C-alpha atoms as a PDB file:
ATOM      1  CA  MET A   1     -12.292  10.935   3.361  1.00  0.00           C
ATOM      2  CA  ASP A   2     -11.805  14.809   4.681  1.00  0.00           C
ATOM      3  CA  HIS A   3      -9.808  12.723   8.309  1.00  0.00           C
ATOM      4  CA  LEU A   4     -12.004  15.210  10.588  1.00  0.00           C
ATOM      5  CA  PRO A   5     -11.674  13.571  14.355  1.00  0.00           C
ATOM      6  CA  LEU A   6     -15.603  13.267  15.244  1.00  0.00           C
ATOM      7  CA  GLU A   7     -15.035  15.731  18.286  1.00  0.00           C
ATOM      8  CA  ARG A   8     -13.859  17.684  15.164  1.00  0.00           C
ATOM      9  CA  GLN A   9     -17.415  17.622  13.570  1.00  0.00           C
ATOM     10  CA  VAL A  10     -19.122  17.936  16.433  1.00  0.00           C
ATOM     11  CA  ARG A  11     -18.157  21.742  16.873  1.00  0.00           C
ATOM     12  CA  ILE A  12     -18.274  21.997  13.037  1.00  0.00           C
ATOM     13  CA  LEU A  13     -22.203  21.384  13.002  1.00  0.00           C
ATOM     14  CA  ALA A  14     -22.539  22.982  16.417  1.00  0.00           C
ATOM     15  CA  ARG A  15     -21.924  26.221  14.084  1.00  0.00           C
ATOM     16  CA  GLU A  16     -24.409  25.113  11.504  1.00  0.00           C
ATOM     17  CA  GLY A  17     -27.037  24.890  14.523  1.00  0.00           C
ATOM     18  CA  LEU A  18     -26.975  21.352  14.495  1.00  0.00           C
ATOM     19  CA  ASP A  19     -26.389  19.682  18.171  1.00  0.00           C
ATOM     20  CA  VAL A  20     -25.379  16.145  17.730  1.00  0.00           C
ATOM     21  CA  THR A  21     -22.393  14.735  20.502  1.00  0.00           C
ATOM     22  CA  SER A  22     -19.753  12.548  19.022  1.00  0.00           C
ATOM     23  CA  GLN A  23     -21.444   9.285  20.657  1.00  0.00           C
ATOM     24  CA  THR A  24     -24.210   9.799  18.339  1.00  0.00           C
ATOM     25  CA  LEU A  25     -22.104   9.832  15.155  1.00  0.00           C
ATOM     26  CA  TRP A  26     -20.163   7.326  16.956  1.00  0.00           C
ATOM     27  CA  ASP A  27     -23.263   4.916  16.737  1.00  0.00           C
ATOM     28  CA  GLN A  28     -23.924   5.969  13.403  1.00  0.00           C
ATOM     29  CA  LEU A  29     -20.755   4.811  12.222  1.00  0.00           C
ATOM     30  CA  LEU A  30     -20.476   1.832  14.023  1.00  0.00           C
ATOM     31  CA  ALA A  31     -23.844   1.040  12.554  1.00  0.00           C
ATOM     32  CA  LEU A  32     -22.631   1.578   9.187  1.00  0.00           C
ATOM     33  CA  HIS A  33     -19.995  -0.654   9.489  1.00  0.00           C
ATOM     34  CA  GLN A  34     -21.830  -3.522  10.203  1.00  0.00           C
ATOM     35  CA  LYS A  35     -24.393  -3.542   8.249  1.00  0.00           C
ATOM     36  CA  VAL A  36     -22.438  -1.830   4.973  1.00  0.00           C
ATOM     37  CA  LEU A  37     -18.956  -1.427   4.997  1.00  0.00           C
ATOM     38  CA  ALA A  38     -17.896  -5.121   6.412  1.00  0.00           C
ATOM     39  CA  PRO A  39     -19.662  -6.963   4.317  1.00  0.00           C
ATOM     40  CA  VAL A  40     -18.210  -4.573   1.328  1.00  0.00           C
ATOM     41  CA  LEU A  41     -14.470  -5.399   3.115  1.00  0.00           C
ATOM     42  CA  GLU A  42     -15.453  -9.290   2.962  1.00  0.00           C
ATOM     43  CA  ARG A  43     -16.380  -9.381  -0.652  1.00  0.00           C
ATOM     44  CA  LEU A  44     -13.374  -6.486  -1.553  1.00  0.00           C
ATOM     45  CA  MET A  45     -10.686  -8.902   0.257  1.00  0.00           C
ATOM     46  CA  ALA A  46     -12.040 -11.793  -2.295  1.00  0.00           C
ATOM     47  CA  TYR A  47     -11.364  -9.438  -5.125  1.00  0.00           C
ATOM     48  CA  GLN A  48      -7.611  -8.823  -3.924  1.00  0.00           C
ATOM     49  CA  ALA A  49      -6.751 -12.350  -3.389  1.00  0.00           C
ATOM     50  CA  GLY A  50      -7.466 -13.125  -7.244  1.00  0.00           C
ATOM     51  CA  LYS A  51      -5.046 -10.449  -8.209  1.00  0.00           C
ATOM     52  CA  PRO A  52      -2.171 -11.571  -9.907  1.00  0.00           C
ATOM     53  CA  VAL A  53      -0.039  -8.260  -8.696  1.00  0.00           C
ATOM     54  CA  ARG A  54      -0.273  -6.735  -5.640  1.00  0.00           C
ATOM     55  CA  HIS A  55       1.750  -4.455  -3.471  1.00  0.00           C
ATOM     56  CA  GLY A  56       1.997  -4.708   0.482  1.00  0.00           C
ATOM     57  CA  ASP A  57       3.458  -1.723   2.560  1.00  0.00           C
ATOM     58  CA  GLU A  58       2.871  -0.957   6.175  1.00  0.00           C
ATOM     59  CA  THR A  59       2.866   2.022   8.553  1.00  0.00           C
ATOM     60  CA  ARG A  60       2.488   2.727  12.118  1.00  0.00           C
ATOM     61  CA  TRP A  61      -1.114   3.166  14.111  1.00  0.00           C
ATOM     62  CA  PRO A  62      -1.263   4.519  17.748  1.00  0.00           C
ATOM     63  CA  MET A  63      -3.339   2.917  19.951  1.00  0.00           C
ATOM     64  CA  LEU A  64      -4.753   5.025  22.258  1.00  0.00           C
ATOM     65  CA  GLY A  65      -6.658   4.287  26.038  1.00  0.00           C
ATOM     66  CA  LYS A  66      -5.929   1.312  28.008  1.00  0.00           C
ATOM     67  CA  GLU A  67      -3.575  -0.148  25.003  1.00  0.00           C
ATOM     68  CA  THR A  68      -0.565   2.929  24.508  1.00  0.00           C
ATOM     69  CA  LYS A  69       1.592   1.293  22.129  1.00  0.00           C
ATOM     70  CA  ASN A  70       1.609   1.702  18.271  1.00  0.00           C
ATOM     71  CA  TRP A  71      -0.021  -0.720  16.428  1.00  0.00           C
ATOM     72  CA  THR A  72       0.655  -1.184  12.224  1.00  0.00           C
ATOM     73  CA  MET A  73      -1.826  -0.705   9.693  1.00  0.00           C
ATOM     74  CA  TRP A  74      -1.117  -2.930   6.816  1.00  0.00           C
ATOM     75  CA  ALA A  75      -1.741  -1.957   3.302  1.00  0.00           C
ATOM     76  CA  ASP A  76      -2.885  -4.509   0.127  1.00  0.00           C
ATOM     77  CA  CYS A  77      -2.682  -2.550  -2.994  1.00  0.00           C
ATOM     78  CA  SER A  78      -3.756  -2.892  -6.595  1.00  0.00           C
ATOM     79  CA  GLU A  79      -4.683  -1.040  -9.103  1.00  0.00           C
ATOM     80  CA  ASP A  80      -8.700  -0.328  -8.426  1.00  0.00           C
ATOM     81  CA  ALA A  81      -8.512  -1.963  -5.232  1.00  0.00           C
ATOM     82  CA  VAL A  82      -7.196  -1.519  -1.789  1.00  0.00           C
ATOM     83  CA  VAL A  83      -7.632  -3.650   1.673  1.00  0.00           C
ATOM     84  CA  TYR A  84      -6.201  -2.369   5.335  1.00  0.00           C
ATOM     85  CA  MET A  85      -5.827  -4.494   8.216  1.00  0.00           C
ATOM     86  CA  ILE A  86      -4.827  -2.612  11.033  1.00  0.00           C
ATOM     87  CA  GLN A  87      -3.424  -5.443  13.943  1.00  0.00           C
ATOM     88  CA  ASP A  88      -1.074  -4.950  16.858  1.00  0.00           C
ATOM     89  CA  GLY A  89       2.340  -5.429  15.514  1.00  0.00           C
ATOM     90  CA  ARG A  90       5.040  -5.833  12.328  1.00  0.00           C
ATOM     91  CA  SER A  91       4.938  -9.917  13.091  1.00  0.00           C
ATOM     92  CA  THR A  92       5.045 -12.208   9.873  1.00  0.00           C
ATOM     93  CA  GLU A  93       2.330 -13.622  12.221  1.00  0.00           C
ATOM     94  CA  LYS A  94       0.270 -10.261  11.161  1.00  0.00           C
ATOM     95  CA  GLY A  95       1.460  -9.987   7.966  1.00  0.00           C
ATOM     96  CA  ASP A  96       0.147 -13.819   7.113  1.00  0.00           C
ATOM     97  CA  LEU A  97      -3.325 -12.386   8.107  1.00  0.00           C
ATOM     98  CA  LEU A  98      -3.660 -10.172   4.894  1.00  0.00           C
ATOM     99  CA  PHE A  99      -0.996 -11.578   2.519  1.00  0.00           C
ATOM    100  CA  GLY A 100      -1.022 -15.263   3.338  1.00  0.00           C
ATOM    101  CA  ASN A 101      -3.423 -16.000   0.425  1.00  0.00           C
ATOM    102  CA  VAL A 102      -0.939 -14.341  -2.616  1.00  0.00           C
ATOM    103  CA  ASN A 103      -1.624 -16.579  -5.595  1.00  0.00           C
ATOM    104  CA  GLY A 104       1.406 -14.363  -7.522  1.00  0.00           C
ATOM    105  CA  VAL A 105       3.542 -11.195  -7.490  1.00  0.00           C
ATOM    106  CA  LEU A 106       4.127  -9.309  -4.190  1.00  0.00           C
ATOM    107  CA  MET A 107       5.687  -5.684  -4.348  1.00  0.00           C
ATOM    108  CA  VAL A 108       7.175  -4.520  -1.376  1.00  0.00           C
ATOM    109  CA  ASP A 109       9.821  -3.148  -0.006  1.00  0.00           C
ATOM    110  CA  GLY A 110      12.808  -4.689   2.061  1.00  0.00           C
ATOM    111  CA  TYR A 111      10.960  -5.395   4.823  1.00  0.00           C
ATOM    112  CA  ALA A 112      12.000  -8.863   6.125  1.00  0.00           C
ATOM    113  CA  VAL A 113       8.140 -10.421   6.597  1.00  0.00           C
ATOM    114  CA  TYR A 114       7.649 -10.074   2.999  1.00  0.00           C
ATOM    115  CA  PRO A 115      10.749 -12.803   2.327  1.00  0.00           C
ATOM    116  CA  ALA A 116       9.311 -14.675   5.309  1.00  0.00           C
ATOM    117  CA  LEU A 117       5.924 -15.473   4.215  1.00  0.00           C
ATOM    118  CA  ALA A 118       6.730 -16.209   0.595  1.00  0.00           C
ATOM    119  CA  LYS A 119       9.236 -19.217   1.959  1.00  0.00           C
ATOM    120  CA  LYS A 120       6.118 -20.019   4.239  1.00  0.00           C
ATOM    121  CA  TYR A 121       3.980 -19.873   1.091  1.00  0.00           C
ATOM    122  CA  PRO A 122       5.682 -20.962  -2.408  1.00  0.00           C
ATOM    123  CA  ALA A 123       3.243 -19.090  -4.379  1.00  0.00           C
ATOM    124  CA  ILE A 124       4.002 -15.839  -3.155  1.00  0.00           C
ATOM    125  CA  ARG A 125       7.039 -14.163  -6.112  1.00  0.00           C
ATOM    126  CA  ILE A 126       8.474 -11.804  -4.256  1.00  0.00           C
ATOM    127  CA  ALA A 127       9.666  -8.258  -6.065  1.00  0.00           C
ATOM    128  CA  ASN A 128      11.563  -5.350  -5.000  1.00  0.00           C
ATOM    129  CA  CYS A 129      10.835  -2.413  -5.720  1.00  0.00           C
ATOM    130  CA  TRP A 130      13.782   0.086  -7.039  1.00  0.00           C
ATOM    131  CA  ALA A 131      12.756   3.229  -6.025  1.00  0.00           C
ATOM    132  CA  HIS A 132      13.453   2.188  -2.209  1.00  0.00           C
ATOM    133  CA  VAL A 133      16.791   1.442  -3.601  1.00  0.00           C
ATOM    134  CA  ARG A 134      17.306   4.720  -5.150  1.00  0.00           C
ATOM    135  CA  ARG A 135      16.568   6.531  -2.024  1.00  0.00           C
ATOM    136  CA  LYS A 136      19.236   4.126  -0.134  1.00  0.00           C
ATOM    137  CA  ILE A 137      22.315   5.689  -2.574  1.00  0.00           C
ATOM    138  CA  LEU A 138      20.773   9.183  -3.245  1.00  0.00           C
ATOM    139  CA  GLU A 139      21.032   9.747   0.419  1.00  0.00           C
ATOM    140  CA  LEU A 140      25.103   8.409  -0.321  1.00  0.00           C
ATOM    141  CA  GLU A 141      25.425  11.250  -3.171  1.00  0.00           C
ATOM    142  CA  ASP A 142      26.859  13.803  -1.006  1.00  0.00           C
ATOM    143  CA  THR A 143      30.021  11.485   0.820  1.00  0.00           C
ATOM    144  CA  GLN A 144      30.111   8.821  -2.237  1.00  0.00           C
ATOM    145  CA  PRO A 145      29.875  10.589  -5.524  1.00  0.00           C
ATOM    146  CA  GLN A 146      31.092   7.254  -7.466  1.00  0.00           C
ATOM    147  CA  VAL A 147      27.496   6.390  -6.410  1.00  0.00           C
ATOM    148  CA  LYS A 148      26.408   8.485  -9.561  1.00  0.00           C
ATOM    149  CA  THR A 149      27.374   5.754 -11.851  1.00  0.00           C
ATOM    150  CA  LEU A 150      24.700   3.485  -9.893  1.00  0.00           C
ATOM    151  CA  LEU A 151      21.941   6.320  -9.790  1.00  0.00           C
ATOM    152  CA  ASP A 152      22.325   6.967 -13.179  1.00  0.00           C
ATOM    153  CA  LEU A 153      21.660   3.478 -14.453  1.00  0.00           C
ATOM    154  CA  ILE A 154      18.984   2.717 -12.393  1.00  0.00           C
ATOM    155  CA  GLY A 155      17.353   5.928 -14.189  1.00  0.00           C
ATOM    156  CA  GLN A 156      17.711   4.275 -17.341  1.00  0.00           C
ATOM    157  CA  LEU A 157      15.616   1.342 -15.806  1.00  0.00           C
ATOM    158  CA  PHE A 158      12.352   3.748 -15.264  1.00  0.00           C
ATOM    159  CA  HIS A 159      13.171   5.684 -18.142  1.00  0.00           C
ATOM    160  CA  ILE A 160      13.015   2.391 -20.691  1.00  0.00           C
ATOM    161  CA  ASP A 161       9.659   1.538 -18.673  1.00  0.00           C
ATOM    162  CA  LYS A 162       8.545   5.089 -19.869  1.00  0.00           C
ATOM    163  CA  ASP A 163       9.910   4.974 -23.493  1.00  0.00           C
ATOM    164  CA  GLY A 164       6.699   3.607 -25.643  1.00  0.00           C
ATOM    165  CA  PRO A 165       3.661   1.885 -25.356  1.00  0.00           C
ATOM    166  CA  PRO A 166       2.957  -0.480 -22.297  1.00  0.00           C
ATOM    167  CA  GLU A 167       2.271  -2.812 -25.010  1.00  0.00           C
ATOM    168  CA  GLU A 168       5.684  -3.126 -25.648  1.00  0.00           C
ATOM    169  CA  ARG A 169       6.957  -3.322 -22.033  1.00  0.00           C
ATOM    170  CA  LEU A 170       8.273  -6.477 -21.737  1.00  0.00           C
ATOM    171  CA  THR A 171      10.391  -6.459 -25.391  1.00  0.00           C
ATOM    172  CA  ARG A 172      11.971  -3.254 -23.987  1.00  0.00           C
ATOM    173  CA  ARG A 173      12.939  -4.407 -20.630  1.00  0.00           C
ATOM    174  CA  GLN A 174      14.668  -7.806 -21.685  1.00  0.00           C
ATOM    175  CA  GLN A 175      16.352  -6.308 -24.837  1.00  0.00           C
ATOM    176  CA  ARG A 176      17.210  -2.830 -22.916  1.00  0.00           C
ATOM    177  CA  SER A 177      16.483  -3.205 -19.084  1.00  0.00           C
ATOM    178  CA  ARG A 178      18.703  -6.688 -19.131  1.00  0.00           C
ATOM    179  CA  PRO A 179      21.898  -4.781 -20.359  1.00  0.00           C
ATOM    180  CA  VAL A 180      21.346  -2.493 -17.479  1.00  0.00           C
ATOM    181  CA  LEU A 181      20.704  -4.987 -15.186  1.00  0.00           C
ATOM    182  CA  THR A 182      23.726  -6.236 -15.713  1.00  0.00           C
ATOM    183  CA  LYS A 183      26.259  -3.345 -15.721  1.00  0.00           C
ATOM    184  CA  ILE A 184      24.146  -2.486 -12.216  1.00  0.00           C
ATOM    185  CA  GLN A 185      25.689  -5.913 -10.802  1.00  0.00           C
ATOM    186  CA  GLU A 186      28.953  -5.411 -12.510  1.00  0.00           C
ATOM    187  CA  TRP A 187      29.022  -1.902 -10.369  1.00  0.00           C
ATOM    188  CA  ILE A 188      28.775  -3.536  -6.871  1.00  0.00           C
ATOM    189  CA  LEU A 189      30.825  -6.945  -7.730  1.00  0.00           C
ATOM    190  CA  GLU A 190      33.953  -3.876  -8.198  1.00  0.00           C
ATOM    191  CA  ALA A 191      32.458  -1.163  -5.981  1.00  0.00           C
ATOM    192  CA  VAL A 192      35.192  -0.901  -2.968  1.00  0.00           C
ATOM    193  CA  ALA A 193      33.388  -0.615   0.379  1.00  0.00           C
ATOM    194  CA  LEU A 194      34.450  -1.043   3.939  1.00  0.00           C
ATOM    195  CA  PRO A 195      32.779  -3.104   6.119  1.00  0.00           C
ATOM    196  CA  GLU A 196      30.031  -1.295   8.726  1.00  0.00           C
ATOM    197  CA  THR A 197      30.181   1.251   6.383  1.00  0.00           C
ATOM    198  CA  PRO A 198      26.586   3.223   4.861  1.00  0.00           C
ATOM    199  CA  LEU A 199      27.584   1.642   0.853  1.00  0.00           C
ATOM    200  CA  ARG A 200      28.488  -1.387   2.155  1.00  0.00           C
ATOM    201  CA  GLY A 201      25.177  -1.794   4.163  1.00  0.00           C
ATOM    202  CA  ALA A 202      23.074  -0.247   1.123  1.00  0.00           C
ATOM    203  CA  LEU A 203      25.231  -2.770  -1.880  1.00  0.00           C
ATOM    204  CA  GLN A 204      24.309  -5.352   0.489  1.00  0.00           C
ATOM    205  CA  TYR A 205      20.559  -4.484   0.539  1.00  0.00           C
ATOM    206  CA  ILE A 206      20.314  -4.370  -3.194  1.00  0.00           C
ATOM    207  CA  SER A 207      22.703  -7.790  -3.737  1.00  0.00           C
ATOM    208  CA  GLY A 208      20.249  -9.348  -1.073  1.00  0.00           C
ATOM    209  CA  ARG A 209      17.242  -8.801  -3.485  1.00  0.00           C
ATOM    210  CA  TRP A 210      18.523  -9.236  -6.385  1.00  0.00           C
ATOM    211  CA  THR A 211      15.823 -11.792  -7.355  1.00  0.00           C
ATOM    212  CA  GLY A 212      13.024  -9.524  -6.352  1.00  0.00           C
ATOM    213  CA  LEU A 213      14.719  -6.468  -7.914  1.00  0.00           C
ATOM    214  CA  THR A 214      14.990  -8.157 -11.479  1.00  0.00           C
ATOM    215  CA  ARG A 215      11.887  -9.914 -12.029  1.00  0.00           C
ATOM    216  CA  PHE A 216      10.285  -7.511 -13.559  1.00  0.00           C
ATOM    217  CA  VAL A 217      12.455  -8.390 -16.863  1.00  0.00           C
ATOM    218  CA  ASP A 218      10.207 -11.406 -17.423  1.00  0.00           C
ATOM    219  CA  ASP A 219       6.841 -10.519 -16.516  1.00  0.00           C
ATOM    220  CA  ALA A 220       5.656  -6.743 -17.846  1.00  0.00           C
ATOM    221  CA  ALA A 221       2.843  -6.723 -15.303  1.00  0.00           C
ATOM    222  CA  ILE A 222       5.572  -6.317 -12.269  1.00  0.00           C
ATOM    223  CA  PRO A 223       6.363  -2.674 -11.951  1.00  0.00           C
ATOM    224  CA  LEU A 224       8.981  -1.232 -11.284  1.00  0.00           C
ATOM    225  CA  ASP A 225       8.648   0.392  -7.620  1.00  0.00           C
ATOM    226  CA  ASN A 226       5.965  -0.292  -4.792  1.00  0.00           C
ATOM    227  CA  ASN A 227       4.874   3.534  -5.138  1.00  0.00           C
ATOM    228  CA  LEU A 228       1.180   2.333  -5.558  1.00  0.00           C
ATOM    229  CA  ALA A 229       1.226   1.608  -1.528  1.00  0.00           C
ATOM    230  CA  GLU A 230       2.994   4.125  -0.307  1.00  0.00           C
ATOM    231  CA  ARG A 231       0.671   6.137  -1.959  1.00  0.00           C
ATOM    232  CA  CYS A 232      -2.330   4.278  -1.100  1.00  0.00           C
ATOM    233  CA  LEU A 233      -1.198   4.780   2.808  1.00  0.00           C
ATOM    234  CA  CYS A 234      -0.747   8.579   2.249  1.00  0.00           C
ATOM    235  CA  GLY A 235      -4.497   9.425   3.334  1.00  0.00           C
ATOM    236  CA  PRO A 236      -4.047   6.746   6.152  1.00  0.00           C
ATOM    237  CA  VAL A 237      -1.243   8.768   7.395  1.00  0.00           C
ATOM    238  CA  ILE A 238      -3.036  11.986   7.439  1.00  0.00           C
ATOM    239  CA  GLY A 239      -5.730  10.147   9.861  1.00  0.00           C
ATOM    240  CA  ARG A 240      -3.183   9.423  12.227  1.00  0.00           C
ATOM    241  CA  HIS A 241      -1.922  12.176  12.276  1.00  0.00           C
ATOM    242  CA  ASN A 242      -5.805  14.123  12.642  1.00  0.00           C
ATOM    243  CA  HIS A 243      -7.244  11.204  14.975  1.00  0.00           C
ATOM    244  CA  TYR A 244      -3.901  10.331  16.857  1.00  0.00           C
ATOM    245  CA  GLY A 245      -5.144   6.553  16.250  1.00  0.00           C
ATOM    246  CA  SER A 246      -7.831   4.483  17.436  1.00  0.00           C
ATOM    247  CA  LYS A 247      -8.894   3.757  21.110  1.00  0.00           C
ATOM    248  CA  SER A 248      -9.811   0.121  21.475  1.00  0.00           C
ATOM    249  CA  ARG A 249      -9.911  -2.549  18.767  1.00  0.00           C
ATOM    250  CA  GLN A 250     -13.048  -2.238  17.858  1.00  0.00           C
ATOM    251  CA  GLY A 251     -12.185   1.346  16.336  1.00  0.00           C
ATOM    252  CA  THR A 252      -9.251  -0.166  14.388  1.00  0.00           C
ATOM    253  CA  GLU A 253     -11.409  -2.339  12.423  1.00  0.00           C
ATOM    254  CA  VAL A 254     -14.022   0.444  11.631  1.00  0.00           C
ATOM    255  CA  ALA A 255     -11.056   2.599  10.567  1.00  0.00           C
ATOM    256  CA  ALA A 256      -9.396  -0.074   8.829  1.00  0.00           C
ATOM    257  CA  ALA A 257     -13.139  -0.829   6.901  1.00  0.00           C
ATOM    258  CA  ALA A 258     -13.617   2.730   6.219  1.00  0.00           C
ATOM    259  CA  TYR A 259     -10.010   3.407   4.487  1.00  0.00           C
ATOM    260  CA  SER A 260     -10.231   0.704   2.555  1.00  0.00           C
ATOM    261  CA  ILE A 261     -14.107   1.864   1.097  1.00  0.00           C
ATOM    262  CA  ILE A 262     -13.341   4.863   0.402  1.00  0.00           C
ATOM    263  CA  GLU A 263      -9.449   5.012  -0.553  1.00  0.00           C
ATOM    264  CA  SER A 264     -10.670   2.038  -3.370  1.00  0.00           C
ATOM    265  CA  ALA A 265     -13.584   4.706  -4.150  1.00  0.00           C
ATOM    266  CA  LYS A 266     -10.777   7.374  -4.789  1.00  0.00           C
ATOM    267  CA  LEU A 267      -8.679   4.567  -6.817  1.00  0.00           C
ATOM    268  CA  ASN A 268     -11.159   4.332  -9.058  1.00  0.00           C
ATOM    269  CA  GLY A 269     -11.997   7.777  -9.603  1.00  0.00           C
ATOM    270  CA  ALA A 270     -15.356   7.790  -7.980  1.00  0.00           C
ATOM    271  CA  ASN A 271     -16.894   9.693  -5.726  1.00  0.00           C
ATOM    272  CA  PRO A 272     -16.483   8.163  -2.368  1.00  0.00           C
ATOM    273  CA  GLU A 273     -19.463   9.890  -0.194  1.00  0.00           C
ATOM    274  CA  HIS A 274     -21.458   9.404  -3.669  1.00  0.00           C
ATOM    275  CA  TYR A 275     -20.274   5.667  -3.436  1.00  0.00           C
ATOM    276  CA  LEU A 276     -21.627   5.059   0.289  1.00  0.00           C
ATOM    277  CA  LEU A 277     -24.702   6.493  -0.667  1.00  0.00           C
ATOM    278  CA  ALA A 278     -25.449   4.480  -3.103  1.00  0.00           C
ATOM    279  CA  ALA A 279     -24.150   1.488  -1.079  1.00  0.00           C
ATOM    280  CA  VAL A 280     -26.717   2.116   1.855  1.00  0.00           C
ATOM    281  CA  ALA A 281     -28.946   2.610  -0.303  1.00  0.00           C
ATOM    282  CA  ALA A 282     -28.492  -0.611  -1.800  1.00  0.00           C
ATOM    283  CA  PHE A 283     -28.087  -2.195   1.550  1.00  0.00           C
ATOM    284  CA  HIS A 284     -31.690  -0.917   2.205  1.00  0.00           C
ATOM    285  CA  ALA A 285     -33.526  -2.118  -0.962  1.00  0.00           C
ATOM    286  CA  GLY A 286     -32.214  -5.230  -0.401  1.00  0.00           C
ATOM    287  CA  THR A 287     -30.225  -5.156  -3.859  1.00  0.00           C
ATOM    288  CA  PRO A 288     -26.165  -6.452  -4.446  1.00  0.00           C
ATOM    289  CA  ILE A 289     -23.834  -3.699  -3.050  1.00  0.00           C
ATOM    290  CA  PRO A 290     -21.566  -2.733  -5.641  1.00  0.00           C
ATOM    291  CA  LEU A 291     -18.033  -2.892  -4.812  1.00  0.00           C
ATOM    292  CA  PRO A 292     -15.922   0.261  -5.859  1.00  0.00           C
ATOM    293  CA  HIS A 293     -14.740  -0.917  -9.104  1.00  0.00           C
ATOM    294  CA  GLU A 294     -18.046  -2.040 -10.362  1.00  0.00           C
ATOM    295  CA  PHE A 295     -19.670   1.561  -8.624  1.00  0.00           C
ATOM    296  CA  LYS A 296     -21.218   3.293 -12.293  1.00  0.00           C
ATOM    297  CA  PRO A 297     -22.429   6.508 -10.597  1.00  0.00           C
ATOM    298  CA  GLY A 298     -25.891   8.042 -11.450  1.00  0.00           C
ATOM    299  CA  PRO A 299     -27.300  11.913 -12.785  1.00  0.00           C
ATOM    300  CA  THR A 300     -25.857  13.753  -9.646  1.00  0.00           C
END
């Protein structure tokens, strides 16, 4: 939760007069993983599989020791759960391990693995992120001032989504967002962009993902952006900087499970420490361990 490497925790404990080795802490963490975290993660993955809208993203995860290369942490997010998986690559085959069971909408950025998965599994409907589009266009504003019109149109899409109660979102999108999308498409078709220029690349990026970018107009449950997944990766990225990665495949499994449980608890507004204590207590009592979204904290 606080992204403290075990060696750093050993030094903190030593200042408090506690003589503990990093190996002892690892043994405790591994036992927690095997007895509590791994079973909870398996159920959490089953819960996530039933979601009609899921968010996907990925970031590098360094592998230390004998396998000195960057692995990939994949994130599968929804409003009340997130599942992480650390794999030795960013290929479609690796993404399949986490997202192959999607039965509904998968909100993602422009990474090619996700449409490849949708081609393999017809049950996956890709929705693309307007925030990514906006960033690409924003990078051009200083050298291509004409893109301000496009930025203003994209801003209108976000404003329409925030204007009014959520239950009216679909009506607003169909009545107000659809005409804006038409204007964006017209702007792209009329734009003069030389081959091999950043502007041409940005416009091709939008055109190549137009179906995914416009899917939200007919489904109120689809968000405009993939910011949820990016927020879900913030914690692991801080941990990556502090821990410098993992030392073994088993280490990646423990890290992915721990982050899944802790970050899911945070998504539900629960104190991760209180949740873990309750999960361990339930394990010792032989009672069902609640998932993070099921956790009802008692008096402290």
